[in-house]
Amino acid sequence: MRQVHDSYRDMALEGRITDERRHVLFSAGRQMQEAEGAEAVMLGSTDLFLAFDAQDCGFPIVDCAAIHVDAIYRWSVGKA
């Protein structure tokens, strides 16, 4: 999906999200869930928090960056 690529690239390069780009990303996630049967969408890029943080995207997500931050924190305080 070229629109998803372009929306992500522009968001990452500019360091900000627009409503139009967020709509493209959220629509792609809903399509994966509805048409492809995805149970959740895995956010594998640290830039995606710009679009998804504190937003109701309408489908479950797994934020890999948040998982890594939690693991780094737990390791740093000796709770790993």
PDB file of N, CA and C in Angstrom:
ATOM      1  N   MET A   1       0.833  -1.173   0.000  1.00  0.00           N
ATOM      2  CA  MET A   1       0.000   0.000   0.000  1.00  0.00           C
ATOM      3  C   MET A   1       0.885   1.246   0.000  1.00  0.00           C
ATOM      4  N   ARG A   2       0.946   1.877  -1.119  1.00  0.00           N
ATOM      5  CA  ARG A   2       1.823   3.035  -1.290  1.00  0.00           C
ATOM      6  C   ARG A   2       1.443   4.184  -0.355  1.00  0.00           C
ATOM      7  N   GLN A   3       0.146   4.373  -0.134  1.00  0.00           N
ATOM      8  CA  GLN A   3      -0.309   5.463   0.742  1.00  0.00           C
ATOM      9  C   GLN A   3       0.214   5.297   2.160  1.00  0.00           C
ATOM     10  N   VAL A   4       0.224   4.068   2.645  1.00  0.00           N
ATOM     11  CA  VAL A   4       0.725   3.800   3.996  1.00  0.00           C
ATOM     12  C   VAL A   4       2.211   4.134   4.060  1.00  0.00           C
ATOM     13  N   HIS A   5       2.957   3.666   3.069  1.00  0.00           N
ATOM     14  CA  HIS A   5       4.392   3.954   3.027  1.00  0.00           C
ATOM     15  C   HIS A   5       4.649   5.457   3.018  1.00  0.00           C
ATOM     16  N   ASP A   6       3.972   6.160   2.132  1.00  0.00           N
ATOM     17  CA  ASP A   6       4.182   7.605   2.017  1.00  0.00           C
ATOM     18  C   ASP A   6       3.788   8.334   3.299  1.00  0.00           C
ATOM     19  N   SER A   7       2.676   7.933   3.902  1.00  0.00           N
ATOM     20  CA  SER A   7       2.227   8.570   5.143  1.00  0.00           C
ATOM     21  C   SER A   7       3.222   8.337   6.263  1.00  0.00           C
ATOM     22  N   TYR A   8       3.704   7.106   6.379  1.00  0.00           N
ATOM     23  CA  TYR A   8       4.683   6.798   7.419  1.00  0.00           C
ATOM     24  C   TYR A   8       5.982   7.560   7.178  1.00  0.00           C
ATOM     25  N   ARG A   9       6.485   7.510   5.950  1.00  0.00           N
ATOM     26  CA  ARG A   9       7.748   8.179   5.625  1.00  0.00           C
ATOM     27  C   ARG A   9       7.681   9.672   5.936  1.00  0.00           C
ATOM     28  N   ASP A  10       6.611  10.314   5.490  1.00  0.00           N
ATOM     29  CA  ASP A  10       6.476  11.752   5.716  1.00  0.00           C
ATOM     30  C   ASP A  10       6.366  12.078   7.205  1.00  0.00           C
ATOM     31  N   MET A  11       5.613  11.249   7.933  1.00  0.00           N
ATOM     32  CA  MET A  11       5.483  11.446   9.370  1.00  0.00           C
ATOM     33  C   MET A  11       6.852  11.316  10.054  1.00  0.00           C
ATOM     34  N   ALA A  12       7.595  10.289   9.691  1.00  0.00           N
ATOM     35  CA  ALA A  12       8.901  10.052  10.314  1.00  0.00           C
ATOM     36  C   ALA A  12       9.892  11.159   9.967  1.00  0.00           C
ATOM     37  N   LEU A  13       9.885  11.608   8.741  1.00  0.00           N
ATOM     38  CA  LEU A  13      10.821  12.662   8.329  1.00  0.00           C
ATOM     39  C   LEU A  13      10.495  14.006   8.974  1.00  0.00           C
ATOM     40  N   GLU A  14       9.203  14.305   9.107  1.00  0.00           N
ATOM     41  CA  GLU A  14       8.795  15.595   9.664  1.00  0.00           C
ATOM     42  C   GLU A  14       8.677  15.575  11.182  1.00  0.00           C
ATOM     43  N   GLY A  15       8.547  14.381  11.757  1.00  0.00           N
ATOM     44  CA  GLY A  15       8.410  14.271  13.200  1.00  0.00           C
ATOM     45  C   GLY A  15       7.055  14.730  13.712  1.00  0.00           C
ATOM     46  N   ARG A  16       6.052  14.698  12.832  1.00  0.00           N
ATOM     47  CA  ARG A  16       4.692  15.075  13.246  1.00  0.00           C
ATOM     48  C   ARG A  16       3.690  14.307  12.393  1.00  0.00           C
ATOM     49  N   ILE A  17       2.475  14.220  12.905  1.00  0.00           N
ATOM     50  CA  ILE A  17       1.404  13.503  12.212  1.00  0.00           C
ATOM     51  C   ILE A  17       0.301  14.493  11.855  1.00  0.00           C
ATOM     52  N   THR A  18      -0.290  14.288  10.708  1.00  0.00           N
ATOM     53  CA  THR A  18      -1.462  15.070  10.321  1.00  0.00           C
ATOM     54  C   THR A  18      -2.684  14.175  10.441  1.00  0.00           C
ATOM     55  N   ASP A  19      -3.855  14.783  10.479  1.00  0.00           N
ATOM     56  CA  ASP A  19      -5.086  13.987  10.536  1.00  0.00           C
ATOM     57  C   ASP A  19      -5.212  13.081   9.317  1.00  0.00           C
ATOM     58  N   GLU A  20      -4.801  13.581   8.167  1.00  0.00           N
ATOM     59  CA  GLU A  20      -4.879  12.781   6.932  1.00  0.00           C
ATOM     60  C   GLU A  20      -3.973  11.554   7.016  1.00  0.00           C
ATOM     61  N   ARG A  21      -2.758  11.732   7.480  1.00  0.00           N
ATOM     62  CA  ARG A  21      -1.831  10.596   7.604  1.00  0.00           C
ATOM     63  C   ARG A  21      -2.316   9.607   8.664  1.00  0.00           C
ATOM     64  N   ARG A  22      -2.823  10.128   9.774  1.00  0.00           N
ATOM     65  CA  ARG A  22      -3.359   9.243  10.816  1.00  0.00           C
ATOM     66  C   ARG A  22      -4.507   8.411  10.251  1.00  0.00           C
ATOM     67  N   HIS A  23      -5.367   9.040   9.467  1.00  0.00           N
ATOM     68  CA  HIS A  23      -6.492   8.336   8.855  1.00  0.00           C
ATOM     69  C   HIS A  23      -5.991   7.193   7.959  1.00  0.00           C
ATOM     70  N   VAL A  24      -4.958   7.439   7.171  1.00  0.00           N
ATOM     71  CA  VAL A  24      -4.395   6.403   6.301  1.00  0.00           C
ATOM     72  C   VAL A  24      -3.900   5.223   7.131  1.00  0.00           C
ATOM     73  N   LEU A  25      -3.147   5.503   8.199  1.00  0.00           N
ATOM     74  CA  LEU A  25      -2.596   4.435   9.035  1.00  0.00           C
ATOM     75  C   LEU A  25      -3.693   3.667   9.771  1.00  0.00           C
ATOM     76  N   PHE A  26      -4.660   4.380  10.310  1.00  0.00           N
ATOM     77  CA  PHE A  26      -5.753   3.721  11.022  1.00  0.00           C
ATOM     78  C   PHE A  26      -6.598   2.888  10.064  1.00  0.00           C
ATOM     79  N   SER A  27      -6.832   3.383   8.865  1.00  0.00           N
ATOM     80  CA  SER A  27      -7.605   2.636   7.865  1.00  0.00           C
ATOM     81  C   SER A  27      -6.895   1.342   7.482  1.00  0.00           C
ATOM     82  N   ALA A  28      -5.576   1.413   7.349  1.00  0.00           N
ATOM     83  CA  ALA A  28      -4.804   0.207   7.024  1.00  0.00           C
ATOM     84  C   ALA A  28      -4.909  -0.812   8.148  1.00  0.00           C
ATOM     85  N   GLY A  29      -4.849  -0.359   9.388  1.00  0.00           N
ATOM     86  CA  GLY A  29      -4.991  -1.271  10.528  1.00  0.00           C
ATOM     87  C   GLY A  29      -6.362  -1.920  10.572  1.00  0.00           C
ATOM     88  N   ARG A  30      -7.398  -1.129  10.344  1.00  0.00           N
ATOM     89  CA  ARG A  30      -8.763  -1.696  10.319  1.00  0.00           C
ATOM     90  C   ARG A  30      -8.914  -2.696   9.185  1.00  0.00           C
ATOM     91  N   GLN A  31      -8.307  -2.412   8.037  1.00  0.00           N
ATOM     92  CA  GLN A  31      -8.373  -3.339   6.908  1.00  0.00           C
ATOM     93  C   GLN A  31      -7.688  -4.654   7.254  1.00  0.00           C
ATOM     94  N   MET A  32      -6.531  -4.574   7.936  1.00  0.00           N
ATOM     95  CA  MET A  32      -5.840  -5.807   8.338  1.00  0.00           C
ATOM     96  C   MET A  32      -6.701  -6.616   9.287  1.00  0.00           C
ATOM     97  N   GLN A  33      -7.406  -5.946  10.153  1.00  0.00           N
ATOM     98  CA  GLN A  33      -8.249  -6.640  11.117  1.00  0.00           C
ATOM     99  C   GLN A  33      -9.484  -7.227  10.429  1.00  0.00           C
ATOM    100  N   GLU A  34     -10.168  -6.430   9.639  1.00  0.00           N
ATOM    101  CA  GLU A  34     -11.434  -6.864   9.045  1.00  0.00           C
ATOM    102  C   GLU A  34     -11.240  -7.827   7.878  1.00  0.00           C
ATOM    103  N   ALA A  35     -10.366  -7.509   6.947  1.00  0.00           N
ATOM    104  CA  ALA A  35     -10.211  -8.318   5.739  1.00  0.00           C
ATOM    105  C   ALA A  35      -9.231  -9.469   5.914  1.00  0.00           C
ATOM    106  N   GLU A  36      -8.224  -9.261   6.741  1.00  0.00           N
ATOM    107  CA  GLU A  36      -7.171 -10.265   6.892  1.00  0.00           C
ATOM    108  C   GLU A  36      -7.302 -11.078   8.167  1.00  0.00           C
ATOM    109  N   GLY A  37      -8.178 -10.663   9.074  1.00  0.00           N
ATOM    110  CA  GLY A  37      -8.385 -11.412  10.304  1.00  0.00           C
ATOM    111  C   GLY A  37      -7.350 -11.174  11.389  1.00  0.00           C
ATOM    112  N   ALA A  38      -6.625 -10.072  11.314  1.00  0.00           N
ATOM    113  CA  ALA A  38      -5.614  -9.775  12.334  1.00  0.00           C
ATOM    114  C   ALA A  38      -6.295  -9.557  13.685  1.00  0.00           C
ATOM    115  N   GLU A  39      -5.731 -10.142  14.736  1.00  0.00           N
ATOM    116  CA  GLU A  39      -6.259  -9.942  16.081  1.00  0.00           C
ATOM    117  C   GLU A  39      -5.763  -8.636  16.682  1.00  0.00           C
ATOM    118  N   ALA A  40      -4.589  -8.193  16.249  1.00  0.00           N
ATOM    119  CA  ALA A  40      -3.995  -6.937  16.705  1.00  0.00           C
ATOM    120  C   ALA A  40      -2.987  -6.503  15.646  1.00  0.00           C
ATOM    121  N   VAL A  41      -2.634  -5.243  15.696  1.00  0.00           N
ATOM    122  CA  VAL A  41      -1.618  -4.711  14.788  1.00  0.00           C
ATOM    123  C   VAL A  41      -0.389  -4.380  15.622  1.00  0.00           C
ATOM    124  N   MET A  42       0.747  -4.894  15.194  1.00  0.00           N
ATOM    125  CA  MET A  42       1.989  -4.682  15.913  1.00  0.00           C
ATOM    126  C   MET A  42       2.678  -3.434  15.374  1.00  0.00           C
ATOM    127  N   LEU A  43       2.908  -2.471  16.245  1.00  0.00           N
ATOM    128  CA  LEU A  43       3.616  -1.248  15.872  1.00  0.00           C
ATOM    129  C   LEU A  43       5.102  -1.501  16.072  1.00  0.00           C
ATOM    130  N   GLY A  44       5.822  -1.693  14.982  1.00  0.00           N
ATOM    131  CA  GLY A  44       7.222  -2.072  15.063  1.00  0.00           C
ATOM    132  C   GLY A  44       8.190  -0.922  14.846  1.00  0.00           C
ATOM    133  N   SER A  45       7.714   0.296  14.911  1.00  0.00           N
ATOM    134  CA  SER A  45       8.580   1.455  14.679  1.00  0.00           C
ATOM    135  C   SER A  45       8.397   2.460  15.803  1.00  0.00           C
ATOM    136  N   THR A  46       9.481   3.047  16.232  1.00  0.00           N
ATOM    137  CA  THR A  46       9.395   4.028  17.310  1.00  0.00           C
ATOM    138  C   THR A  46       8.669   5.296  16.875  1.00  0.00           C
ATOM    139  N   ASP A  47       8.586   5.557  15.581  1.00  0.00           N
ATOM    140  CA  ASP A  47       7.899   6.760  15.093  1.00  0.00           C
ATOM    141  C   ASP A  47       6.377   6.648  15.174  1.00  0.00           C
ATOM    142  N   LEU A  48       5.851   5.443  15.223  1.00  0.00           N
ATOM    143  CA  LEU A  48       4.404   5.270  15.164  1.00  0.00           C
ATOM    144  C   LEU A  48       3.671   5.806  16.385  1.00  0.00           C
ATOM    145  N   PHE A  49       4.389   6.058  17.479  1.00  0.00           N
ATOM    146  CA  PHE A  49       3.724   6.649  18.636  1.00  0.00           C
ATOM    147  C   PHE A  49       3.107   7.993  18.262  1.00  0.00           C
ATOM    148  N   LEU A  50       3.694   8.687  17.285  1.00  0.00           N
ATOM    149  CA  LEU A  50       3.141   9.975  16.853  1.00  0.00           C
ATOM    150  C   LEU A  50       1.687   9.829  16.412  1.00  0.00           C
ATOM    151  N   ALA A  51       1.379   8.754  15.738  1.00  0.00           N
ATOM    152  CA  ALA A  51       0.026   8.539  15.224  1.00  0.00           C
ATOM    153  C   ALA A  51      -0.883   7.862  16.238  1.00  0.00           C
ATOM    154  N   PHE A  52      -0.348   6.946  17.040  1.00  0.00           N
ATOM    155  CA  PHE A  52      -1.197   6.090  17.857  1.00  0.00           C
ATOM    156  C   PHE A  52      -1.276   6.475  19.328  1.00  0.00           C
ATOM    157  N   ASP A  53      -0.332   7.244  19.833  1.00  0.00           N
ATOM    158  CA  ASP A  53      -0.306   7.576  21.262  1.00  0.00           C
ATOM    159  C   ASP A  53      -1.572   8.321  21.681  1.00  0.00           C
ATOM    160  N   ALA A  54      -2.257   7.791  22.680  1.00  0.00           N
ATOM    161  CA  ALA A  54      -3.466   8.393  23.254  1.00  0.00           C
ATOM    162  C   ALA A  54      -4.586   8.558  22.236  1.00  0.00           C
ATOM    163  N   GLN A  55      -4.606   7.687  21.229  1.00  0.00           N
ATOM    164  CA  GLN A  55      -5.651   7.730  20.202  1.00  0.00           C
ATOM    165  C   GLN A  55      -6.434   6.421  20.221  1.00  0.00           C
ATOM    166  N   ASP A  56      -7.712   6.512  19.935  1.00  0.00           N
ATOM    167  CA  ASP A  56      -8.535   5.314  19.765  1.00  0.00           C
ATOM    168  C   ASP A  56      -8.561   4.986  18.282  1.00  0.00           C
ATOM    169  N   CYS A  57      -7.754   4.006  17.896  1.00  0.00           N
ATOM    170  CA  CYS A  57      -7.652   3.664  16.483  1.00  0.00           C
ATOM    171  C   CYS A  57      -8.727   2.673  16.049  1.00  0.00           C
ATOM    172  N   GLY A  58      -9.451   2.091  16.990  1.00  0.00           N
ATOM    173  CA  GLY A  58     -10.533   1.180  16.651  1.00  0.00           C
ATOM    174  C   GLY A  58     -10.134  -0.275  16.539  1.00  0.00           C
ATOM    175  N   PHE A  59      -8.887  -0.590  16.886  1.00  0.00           N
ATOM    176  CA  PHE A  59      -8.443  -1.981  16.854  1.00  0.00           C
ATOM    177  C   PHE A  59      -7.310  -2.137  17.865  1.00  0.00           C
ATOM    178  N   PRO A  60      -7.082  -3.378  18.333  1.00  0.00           N
ATOM    179  CA  PRO A  60      -6.014  -3.593  19.309  1.00  0.00           C
ATOM    180  C   PRO A  60      -4.632  -3.408  18.681  1.00  0.00           C
ATOM    181  N   ILE A  61      -3.718  -2.827  19.446  1.00  0.00           N
ATOM    182  CA  ILE A  61      -2.335  -2.669  18.991  1.00  0.00           C
ATOM    183  C   ILE A  61      -1.377  -3.251  20.016  1.00  0.00           C
ATOM    184  N   VAL A  62      -0.193  -3.614  19.536  1.00  0.00           N
ATOM    185  CA  VAL A  62       0.923  -4.006  20.389  1.00  0.00           C
ATOM    186  C   VAL A  62       2.045  -3.039  20.040  1.00  0.00           C
ATOM    187  N   ASP A  63       2.421  -2.186  20.981  1.00  0.00           N
ATOM    188  CA  ASP A  63       3.434  -1.170  20.734  1.00  0.00           C
ATOM    189  C   ASP A  63       4.800  -1.710  21.150  1.00  0.00           C
ATOM    190  N   CYS A  64       5.584  -2.139  20.159  1.00  0.00           N
ATOM    191  CA  CYS A  64       6.895  -2.737  20.435  1.00  0.00           C
ATOM    192  C   CYS A  64       7.837  -1.762  21.122  1.00  0.00           C
ATOM    193  N   ALA A  65       7.758  -0.476  20.776  1.00  0.00           N
ATOM    194  CA  ALA A  65       8.630   0.514  21.417  1.00  0.00           C
ATOM    195  C   ALA A  65       8.328   0.595  22.909  1.00  0.00           C
ATOM    196  N   ALA A  66       7.055   0.578  23.271  1.00  0.00           N
ATOM    197  CA  ALA A  66       6.681   0.646  24.686  1.00  0.00           C
ATOM    198  C   ALA A  66       7.181  -0.597  25.430  1.00  0.00           C
ATOM    199  N   ILE A  67       7.134  -1.736  24.786  1.00  0.00           N
ATOM    200  CA  ILE A  67       7.634  -2.972  25.398  1.00  0.00           C
ATOM    201  C   ILE A  67       9.138  -2.859  25.632  1.00  0.00           C
ATOM    202  N   HIS A  68       9.856  -2.324  24.657  1.00  0.00           N
ATOM    203  CA  HIS A  68      11.304  -2.163  24.805  1.00  0.00           C
ATOM    204  C   HIS A  68      11.648  -1.151  25.897  1.00  0.00           C
ATOM    205  N   VAL A  69      10.934  -0.047  25.935  1.00  0.00           N
ATOM    206  CA  VAL A  69      11.184   0.962  26.972  1.00  0.00           C
ATOM    207  C   VAL A  69      10.966   0.356  28.351  1.00  0.00           C
ATOM    208  N   ASP A  70       9.897  -0.412  28.504  1.00  0.00           N
ATOM    209  CA  ASP A  70       9.625  -1.059  29.790  1.00  0.00           C
ATOM    210  C   ASP A  70      10.744  -2.035  30.160  1.00  0.00           C
ATOM    211  N   ALA A  71      11.207  -2.814  29.193  1.00  0.00           N
ATOM    212  CA  ALA A  71      12.281  -3.775  29.466  1.00  0.00           C
ATOM    213  C   ALA A  71      13.581  -3.063  29.848  1.00  0.00           C
ATOM    214  N   ILE A  72      13.890  -1.978  29.155  1.00  0.00           N
ATOM    215  CA  ILE A  72      15.103  -1.215  29.470  1.00  0.00           C
ATOM    216  C   ILE A  72      15.003  -0.617  30.874  1.00  0.00           C
ATOM    217  N   TYR A  73      13.852  -0.067  31.192  1.00  0.00           N
ATOM    218  CA  TYR A  73      13.658   0.495  32.527  1.00  0.00           C
ATOM    219  C   TYR A  73      13.820  -0.593  33.592  1.00  0.00           C
ATOM    220  N   ARG A  74      13.131  -1.725  33.395  1.00  0.00           N
ATOM    221  CA  ARG A  74      13.204  -2.797  34.387  1.00  0.00           C
ATOM    222  C   ARG A  74      14.642  -3.289  34.560  1.00  0.00           C
ATOM    223  N   TRP A  75      15.387  -3.395  33.471  1.00  0.00           N
ATOM    224  CA  TRP A  75      16.782  -3.795  33.550  1.00  0.00           C
ATOM    225  C   TRP A  75      17.599  -2.757  34.312  1.00  0.00           C
ATOM    226  N   SER A  76      17.321  -1.478  34.030  1.00  0.00           N
ATOM    227  CA  SER A  76      18.124  -0.402  34.652  1.00  0.00           C
ATOM    228  C   SER A  76      17.917  -0.309  36.166  1.00  0.00           C
ATOM    229  N   VAL A  77      16.775  -0.749  36.641  1.00  0.00           N
ATOM    230  CA  VAL A  77      16.527  -0.696  38.095  1.00  0.00           C
ATOM    231  C   VAL A  77      16.679  -2.070  38.731  1.00  0.00           C
ATOM    232  N   GLY A  78      17.203  -3.021  37.956  1.00  0.00           N
ATOM    233  CA  GLY A  78      17.496  -4.338  38.492  1.00  0.00           C
ATOM    234  C   GLY A  78      16.297  -5.236  38.672  1.00  0.00           C
ATOM    235  N   LYS A  79      15.246  -4.995  37.894  1.00  0.00           N
ATOM    236  CA  LYS A  79      14.037  -5.836  38.013  1.00  0.00           C
ATOM    237  C   LYS A  79      13.804  -6.690  36.771  1.00  0.00           C
ATOM    238  N   ALA A  80      14.850  -6.901  35.995  1.00  0.00           N
ATOM    239  CA  ALA A  80      14.698  -7.678  34.753  1.00  0.00           C
ATOM    240  C   ALA A  80      14.675  -9.152  35.044  1.00  0.00           C
TER     241      ALA A  80
END
